[in-house]
């Protein structure tokens, strides 16, 4: 078995238009530094925006999509305040609020423990109850297993942008939960600092 670790942050937001978006920003990964975007439209169509064939193949083998687009995905970061996400089909600006109670609790756990698959296995039953749709371990596509080790959590308080030239409207909860894999982003729009371990 091989294990790979992806270190970064995940933003999950819903919008007035019904489009739900999950952006992963991965400064450290086996595939190098990259960002990718998972979009589920109001009618349930799931789209992956990936910056390279290598990233697209890896992500699409792990999660479920109806279509995959190879697009340059750029995330400009104002630390602790704002992300500006740009690709040929997506324009997304999100503004962050304060660290949540969950974020404060996560920061009390030593990072080496919080990132370990054993800890993710232990916290999975709690995550299922406390955060609707969220799992910290599970089975992914292609016989893979995954663990999500969260180390921080902040609220998203504002959103603007468009997808395929259609305005997204304002910020809404991430409901219904996107159907990309065994776990979903929290219903409350947020950014989570995370280490994702993938085993295959």
C-alpha atoms as a PDB file:
ATOM      1  CA  UNK A   1       0.000   0.000   0.000  1.00  0.00           C
ATOM      2  CA  UNK A   2       1.130   3.531  -0.807  1.00  0.00           C
ATOM      3  CA  UNK A   3       0.166   6.619   1.196  1.00  0.00           C
ATOM      4  CA  UNK A   4       0.353  10.167  -0.130  1.00  0.00           C
ATOM      5  CA  UNK A   5      -0.271  13.356   1.827  1.00  0.00           C
ATOM      6  CA  UNK A   6      -1.777  16.575   0.537  1.00  0.00           C
ATOM      7  CA  UNK A   7      -1.321  19.590   2.817  1.00  0.00           C
ATOM      8  CA  UNK A   8      -3.426  22.683   2.261  1.00  0.00           C
ATOM      9  CA  UNK A   9      -6.811  24.293   2.726  1.00  0.00           C
ATOM     10  CA  UNK A  10     -10.324  23.604   1.478  1.00  0.00           C
ATOM     11  CA  UNK A  11     -13.004  26.253   0.959  1.00  0.00           C
ATOM     12  CA  UNK A  12     -16.622  25.129   0.691  1.00  0.00           C
ATOM     13  CA  UNK A  13     -19.426  27.560  -0.206  1.00  0.00           C
ATOM     14  CA  UNK A  14     -23.007  27.581  -1.443  1.00  0.00           C
ATOM     15  CA  UNK A  15     -24.656  30.350  -3.432  1.00  0.00           C
ATOM     16  CA  UNK A  16     -28.034  31.909  -4.238  1.00  0.00           C
ATOM     17  CA  UNK A  17     -27.855  30.303  -7.687  1.00  0.00           C
ATOM     18  CA  UNK A  18     -27.768  26.823  -6.171  1.00  0.00           C
ATOM     19  CA  UNK A  19     -24.185  26.241  -7.302  1.00  0.00           C
ATOM     20  CA  UNK A  20     -21.983  24.702  -4.603  1.00  0.00           C
ATOM     21  CA  UNK A  21     -18.214  25.005  -4.874  1.00  0.00           C
ATOM     22  CA  UNK A  22     -15.299  23.313  -3.135  1.00  0.00           C
ATOM     23  CA  UNK A  23     -11.835  24.759  -3.772  1.00  0.00           C
ATOM     24  CA  UNK A  24      -8.705  22.893  -2.729  1.00  0.00           C
ATOM     25  CA  UNK A  25      -5.451  24.795  -2.443  1.00  0.00           C
ATOM     26  CA  UNK A  26      -2.510  22.426  -2.008  1.00  0.00           C
ATOM     27  CA  UNK A  27       0.907  24.084  -1.537  1.00  0.00           C
ATOM     28  CA  UNK A  28       2.448  20.706  -0.653  1.00  0.00           C
ATOM     29  CA  UNK A  29       1.508  17.447  -2.384  1.00  0.00           C
ATOM     30  CA  UNK A  30       2.981  14.557  -4.396  1.00  0.00           C
ATOM     31  CA  UNK A  31       1.676  16.377  -7.491  1.00  0.00           C
ATOM     32  CA  UNK A  32       3.429  19.616  -6.584  1.00  0.00           C
ATOM     33  CA  UNK A  33       1.699  22.857  -5.638  1.00  0.00           C
ATOM     34  CA  UNK A  34      -1.714  23.227  -7.275  1.00  0.00           C
ATOM     35  CA  UNK A  35      -5.349  24.236  -6.814  1.00  0.00           C
ATOM     36  CA  UNK A  36      -8.432  22.433  -8.058  1.00  0.00           C
ATOM     37  CA  UNK A  37     -12.163  23.138  -7.956  1.00  0.00           C
ATOM     38  CA  UNK A  38     -15.185  20.872  -7.591  1.00  0.00           C
ATOM     39  CA  UNK A  39     -18.487  22.409  -8.705  1.00  0.00           C
ATOM     40  CA  UNK A  40     -21.989  21.002  -8.387  1.00  0.00           C
ATOM     41  CA  UNK A  41     -24.618  22.993 -10.263  1.00  0.00           C
ATOM     42  CA  UNK A  42     -28.195  23.561  -9.151  1.00  0.00           C
ATOM     43  CA  UNK A  43     -29.361  20.645 -11.325  1.00  0.00           C
ATOM     44  CA  UNK A  44     -26.782  18.268  -9.820  1.00  0.00           C
ATOM     45  CA  UNK A  45     -24.114  18.253 -12.543  1.00  0.00           C
ATOM     46  CA  UNK A  46     -20.680  17.683 -10.977  1.00  0.00           C
ATOM     47  CA  UNK A  47     -17.681  19.324 -12.626  1.00  0.00           C
ATOM     48  CA  UNK A  48     -13.969  19.079 -11.835  1.00  0.00           C
ATOM     49  CA  UNK A  49     -11.691  21.971 -12.796  1.00  0.00           C
ATOM     50  CA  UNK A  50      -8.107  20.711 -12.780  1.00  0.00           C
ATOM     51  CA  UNK A  51      -4.903  22.488 -13.853  1.00  0.00           C
ATOM     52  CA  UNK A  52      -3.220  19.451 -15.452  1.00  0.00           C
ATOM     53  CA  UNK A  53      -3.892  15.980 -16.796  1.00  0.00           C
ATOM     54  CA  UNK A  54      -1.979  14.467 -13.866  1.00  0.00           C
ATOM     55  CA  UNK A  55      -4.118  16.272 -11.290  1.00  0.00           C
ATOM     56  CA  UNK A  56      -7.323  15.547 -13.212  1.00  0.00           C
ATOM     57  CA  UNK A  57      -6.575  11.819 -13.414  1.00  0.00           C
ATOM     58  CA  UNK A  58      -5.701  11.541  -9.728  1.00  0.00           C
ATOM     59  CA  UNK A  59      -8.690  13.535  -8.447  1.00  0.00           C
ATOM     60  CA  UNK A  60     -11.177  11.936 -10.865  1.00  0.00           C
ATOM     61  CA  UNK A  61      -9.984   8.470  -9.791  1.00  0.00           C
ATOM     62  CA  UNK A  62     -10.665   9.391  -6.158  1.00  0.00           C
ATOM     63  CA  UNK A  63     -13.943  11.347  -6.428  1.00  0.00           C
ATOM     64  CA  UNK A  64     -17.020  11.290  -8.692  1.00  0.00           C
ATOM     65  CA  UNK A  65     -17.737  13.789 -11.491  1.00  0.00           C
ATOM     66  CA  UNK A  66     -19.968  14.055 -14.526  1.00  0.00           C
ATOM     67  CA  UNK A  67     -17.395  16.080 -16.466  1.00  0.00           C
ATOM     68  CA  UNK A  68     -13.757  17.132 -16.149  1.00  0.00           C
ATOM     69  CA  UNK A  69     -12.270  20.354 -17.503  1.00  0.00           C
ATOM     70  CA  UNK A  70      -8.556  21.041 -17.850  1.00  0.00           C
ATOM     71  CA  UNK A  71      -8.223  24.688 -16.876  1.00  0.00           C
ATOM     72  CA  UNK A  72      -5.574  26.842 -15.295  1.00  0.00           C
ATOM     73  CA  UNK A  73      -6.770  27.397 -11.711  1.00  0.00           C
ATOM     74  CA  UNK A  74      -5.221  30.302  -9.813  1.00  0.00           C
ATOM     75  CA  UNK A  75      -5.845  31.224  -6.169  1.00  0.00           C
ATOM     76  CA  UNK A  76      -4.603  34.589  -4.933  1.00  0.00           C
ATOM     77  CA  UNK A  77      -4.565  34.659  -1.138  1.00  0.00           C
ATOM     78  CA  UNK A  78      -4.813  37.505   1.342  1.00  0.00           C
ATOM     79  CA  UNK A  79      -3.866  35.531   4.481  1.00  0.00           C
ATOM     80  CA  UNK A  80      -6.735  35.206   6.927  1.00  0.00           C
ATOM     81  CA  UNK A  81      -8.989  37.497   4.910  1.00  0.00           C
ATOM     82  CA  UNK A  82      -9.738  36.576   1.310  1.00  0.00           C
ATOM     83  CA  UNK A  83      -9.293  34.153  -1.589  1.00  0.00           C
ATOM     84  CA  UNK A  84      -9.645  35.170  -5.231  1.00  0.00           C
ATOM     85  CA  UNK A  85     -10.081  32.071  -7.401  1.00  0.00           C
ATOM     86  CA  UNK A  86      -9.793  32.361 -11.177  1.00  0.00           C
ATOM     87  CA  UNK A  87     -10.089  29.926 -14.079  1.00  0.00           C
ATOM     88  CA  UNK A  88     -11.540  30.278 -17.596  1.00  0.00           C
ATOM     89  CA  UNK A  89     -14.992  29.214 -16.350  1.00  0.00           C
ATOM     90  CA  UNK A  90     -14.922  30.362 -12.710  1.00  0.00           C
ATOM     91  CA  UNK A  91     -14.572  33.683 -10.952  1.00  0.00           C
ATOM     92  CA  UNK A  92     -14.905  33.389  -7.187  1.00  0.00           C
ATOM     93  CA  UNK A  93     -14.064  35.790  -4.375  1.00  0.00           C
ATOM     94  CA  UNK A  94     -14.595  34.664  -0.782  1.00  0.00           C
ATOM     95  CA  UNK A  95     -14.047  36.654   2.394  1.00  0.00           C
ATOM     96  CA  UNK A  96     -13.219  34.995   5.702  1.00  0.00           C
ATOM     97  CA  UNK A  97     -14.492  35.852   9.159  1.00  0.00           C
ATOM     98  CA  UNK A  98     -13.201  34.844  12.559  1.00  0.00           C
ATOM     99  CA  UNK A  99     -11.920  31.475  13.609  1.00  0.00           C
ATOM    100  CA  UNK A 100     -14.885  29.304  14.630  1.00  0.00           C
ATOM    101  CA  UNK A 101     -15.281  27.442  17.917  1.00  0.00           C
ATOM    102  CA  UNK A 102     -14.364  24.297  15.982  1.00  0.00           C
ATOM    103  CA  UNK A 103     -11.238  26.024  14.733  1.00  0.00           C
ATOM    104  CA  UNK A 104     -10.206  26.967  18.251  1.00  0.00           C
ATOM    105  CA  UNK A 105     -10.708  23.389  19.409  1.00  0.00           C
ATOM    106  CA  UNK A 106      -8.757  21.980  16.459  1.00  0.00           C
ATOM    107  CA  UNK A 107      -5.808  24.211  17.268  1.00  0.00           C
ATOM    108  CA  UNK A 108      -5.561  22.642  20.744  1.00  0.00           C
ATOM    109  CA  UNK A 109      -4.660  19.267  19.213  1.00  0.00           C
ATOM    110  CA  UNK A 110      -0.927  18.829  18.478  1.00  0.00           C
ATOM    111  CA  UNK A 111      -0.480  18.881  14.711  1.00  0.00           C
ATOM    112  CA  UNK A 112       1.315  15.541  14.510  1.00  0.00           C
ATOM    113  CA  UNK A 113      -1.641  13.885  16.227  1.00  0.00           C
ATOM    114  CA  UNK A 114      -4.314  15.803  14.280  1.00  0.00           C
ATOM    115  CA  UNK A 115      -2.802  14.786  10.949  1.00  0.00           C
ATOM    116  CA  UNK A 116      -2.535  11.061  11.712  1.00  0.00           C
ATOM    117  CA  UNK A 117      -4.961   8.517  10.200  1.00  0.00           C
ATOM    118  CA  UNK A 118      -5.412   6.991  13.678  1.00  0.00           C
ATOM    119  CA  UNK A 119      -6.732  10.308  15.028  1.00  0.00           C
ATOM    120  CA  UNK A 120      -8.986  10.754  11.981  1.00  0.00           C
ATOM    121  CA  UNK A 121     -10.420   7.293  12.616  1.00  0.00           C
ATOM    122  CA  UNK A 122     -11.079   8.204  16.249  1.00  0.00           C
ATOM    123  CA  UNK A 123     -12.799  11.508  15.428  1.00  0.00           C
ATOM    124  CA  UNK A 124     -14.936  10.209  12.543  1.00  0.00           C
ATOM    125  CA  UNK A 125     -17.993   9.264  14.671  1.00  0.00           C
ATOM    126  CA  UNK A 126     -17.948  12.717  16.281  1.00  0.00           C
ATOM    127  CA  UNK A 127     -17.626  14.518  12.936  1.00  0.00           C
ATOM    128  CA  UNK A 128     -20.644  12.636  11.567  1.00  0.00           C
ATOM    129  CA  UNK A 129     -22.821  13.922  14.419  1.00  0.00           C
ATOM    130  CA  UNK A 130     -21.470  17.462  14.804  1.00  0.00           C
ATOM    131  CA  UNK A 131     -20.958  18.388  11.130  1.00  0.00           C
ATOM    132  CA  UNK A 132     -23.667  17.242   8.745  1.00  0.00           C
ATOM    133  CA  UNK A 133     -22.221  15.283   5.818  1.00  0.00           C
ATOM    134  CA  UNK A 134     -18.633  15.442   7.076  1.00  0.00           C
ATOM    135  CA  UNK A 135     -16.514  12.309   7.470  1.00  0.00           C
ATOM    136  CA  UNK A 136     -12.860  12.183   8.485  1.00  0.00           C
ATOM    137  CA  UNK A 137     -12.198   8.735   7.006  1.00  0.00           C
ATOM    138  CA  UNK A 138     -13.734   6.544   4.345  1.00  0.00           C
ATOM    139  CA  UNK A 139     -13.400   4.638   1.094  1.00  0.00           C
ATOM    140  CA  UNK A 140     -12.790   6.577  -2.116  1.00  0.00           C
ATOM    141  CA  UNK A 141     -12.796   5.607  -5.785  1.00  0.00           C
ATOM    142  CA  UNK A 142     -10.564   2.892  -7.176  1.00  0.00           C
ATOM    143  CA  UNK A 143     -10.317   1.041  -3.869  1.00  0.00           C
ATOM    144  CA  UNK A 144      -8.571   3.971  -2.216  1.00  0.00           C
ATOM    145  CA  UNK A 145      -8.918   4.998   1.412  1.00  0.00           C
ATOM    146  CA  UNK A 146      -8.775   8.564   2.712  1.00  0.00           C
ATOM    147  CA  UNK A 147      -8.320  10.371   5.996  1.00  0.00           C
ATOM    148  CA  UNK A 148      -8.933  14.091   6.576  1.00  0.00           C
ATOM    149  CA  UNK A 149      -6.945  15.649   9.416  1.00  0.00           C
ATOM    150  CA  UNK A 150      -8.237  19.165  10.102  1.00  0.00           C
ATOM    151  CA  UNK A 151      -6.101  21.635  12.047  1.00  0.00           C
ATOM    152  CA  UNK A 152      -8.031  24.927  11.726  1.00  0.00           C
ATOM    153  CA  UNK A 153     -11.440  26.239  10.647  1.00  0.00           C
ATOM    154  CA  UNK A 154     -12.713  29.726   9.762  1.00  0.00           C
ATOM    155  CA  UNK A 155     -16.103  30.948   8.606  1.00  0.00           C
ATOM    156  CA  UNK A 156     -16.684  32.361   5.127  1.00  0.00           C
ATOM    157  CA  UNK A 157     -18.776  35.533   5.445  1.00  0.00           C
ATOM    158  CA  UNK A 158     -19.086  36.777   1.867  1.00  0.00           C
ATOM    159  CA  UNK A 159     -19.035  35.480  -1.703  1.00  0.00           C
ATOM    160  CA  UNK A 160     -19.206  36.925  -5.183  1.00  0.00           C
ATOM    161  CA  UNK A 161     -18.463  35.615  -8.633  1.00  0.00           C
ATOM    162  CA  UNK A 162     -19.726  33.607 -11.581  1.00  0.00           C
ATOM    163  CA  UNK A 163     -19.563  30.139 -13.115  1.00  0.00           C
ATOM    164  CA  UNK A 164     -19.844  29.701 -16.884  1.00  0.00           C
ATOM    165  CA  UNK A 165     -20.634  33.448 -17.066  1.00  0.00           C
ATOM    166  CA  UNK A 166     -23.726  33.055 -14.829  1.00  0.00           C
ATOM    167  CA  UNK A 167     -23.745  35.123 -11.644  1.00  0.00           C
ATOM    168  CA  UNK A 168     -23.506  33.066  -8.459  1.00  0.00           C
ATOM    169  CA  UNK A 169     -25.407  35.529  -6.307  1.00  0.00           C
ATOM    170  CA  UNK A 170     -24.817  35.767  -2.576  1.00  0.00           C
ATOM    171  CA  UNK A 171     -23.522  33.356   0.028  1.00  0.00           C
ATOM    172  CA  UNK A 172     -25.668  30.429   1.175  1.00  0.00           C
ATOM    173  CA  UNK A 173     -25.119  27.227   3.195  1.00  0.00           C
ATOM    174  CA  UNK A 174     -23.567  24.349   1.268  1.00  0.00           C
ATOM    175  CA  UNK A 175     -26.862  22.493   0.890  1.00  0.00           C
ATOM    176  CA  UNK A 176     -27.721  20.010  -0.345  1.00  0.00           C
ATOM    177  CA  UNK A 177     -24.359  18.415   0.350  1.00  0.00           C
ATOM    178  CA  UNK A 178     -22.264  18.060  -2.824  1.00  0.00           C
ATOM    179  CA  UNK A 179     -21.938  14.455  -4.067  1.00  0.00           C
ATOM    180  CA  UNK A 180     -18.247  14.224  -4.904  1.00  0.00           C
ATOM    181  CA  UNK A 181     -17.278  11.486  -2.477  1.00  0.00           C
ATOM    182  CA  UNK A 182     -17.891   9.818   0.865  1.00  0.00           C
ATOM    183  CA  UNK A 183     -17.414  13.099   2.737  1.00  0.00           C
ATOM    184  CA  UNK A 184     -18.727  16.594   2.119  1.00  0.00           C
ATOM    185  CA  UNK A 185     -17.661  20.071   3.137  1.00  0.00           C
ATOM    186  CA  UNK A 186     -19.477  21.435   6.229  1.00  0.00           C
ATOM    187  CA  UNK A 187     -22.883  22.995   5.562  1.00  0.00           C
ATOM    188  CA  UNK A 188     -21.613  26.253   7.052  1.00  0.00           C
ATOM    189  CA  UNK A 189     -19.493  28.043   4.415  1.00  0.00           C
ATOM    190  CA  UNK A 190     -15.945  27.809   5.675  1.00  0.00           C
ATOM    191  CA  UNK A 191     -12.248  27.302   5.047  1.00  0.00           C
ATOM    192  CA  UNK A 192     -10.569  24.318   6.686  1.00  0.00           C
ATOM    193  CA  UNK A 193      -6.852  23.749   6.985  1.00  0.00           C
ATOM    194  CA  UNK A 194      -6.327  20.058   6.375  1.00  0.00           C
ATOM    195  CA  UNK A 195      -3.930  17.235   5.676  1.00  0.00           C
ATOM    196  CA  UNK A 196      -5.494  14.639   3.383  1.00  0.00           C
ATOM    197  CA  UNK A 197      -3.926  11.170   3.436  1.00  0.00           C
ATOM    198  CA  UNK A 198      -4.747   8.930   0.471  1.00  0.00           C
ATOM    199  CA  UNK A 199      -3.878   5.227   0.502  1.00  0.00           C
ATOM    200  CA  UNK A 200      -4.027   2.829  -2.447  1.00  0.00           C
END
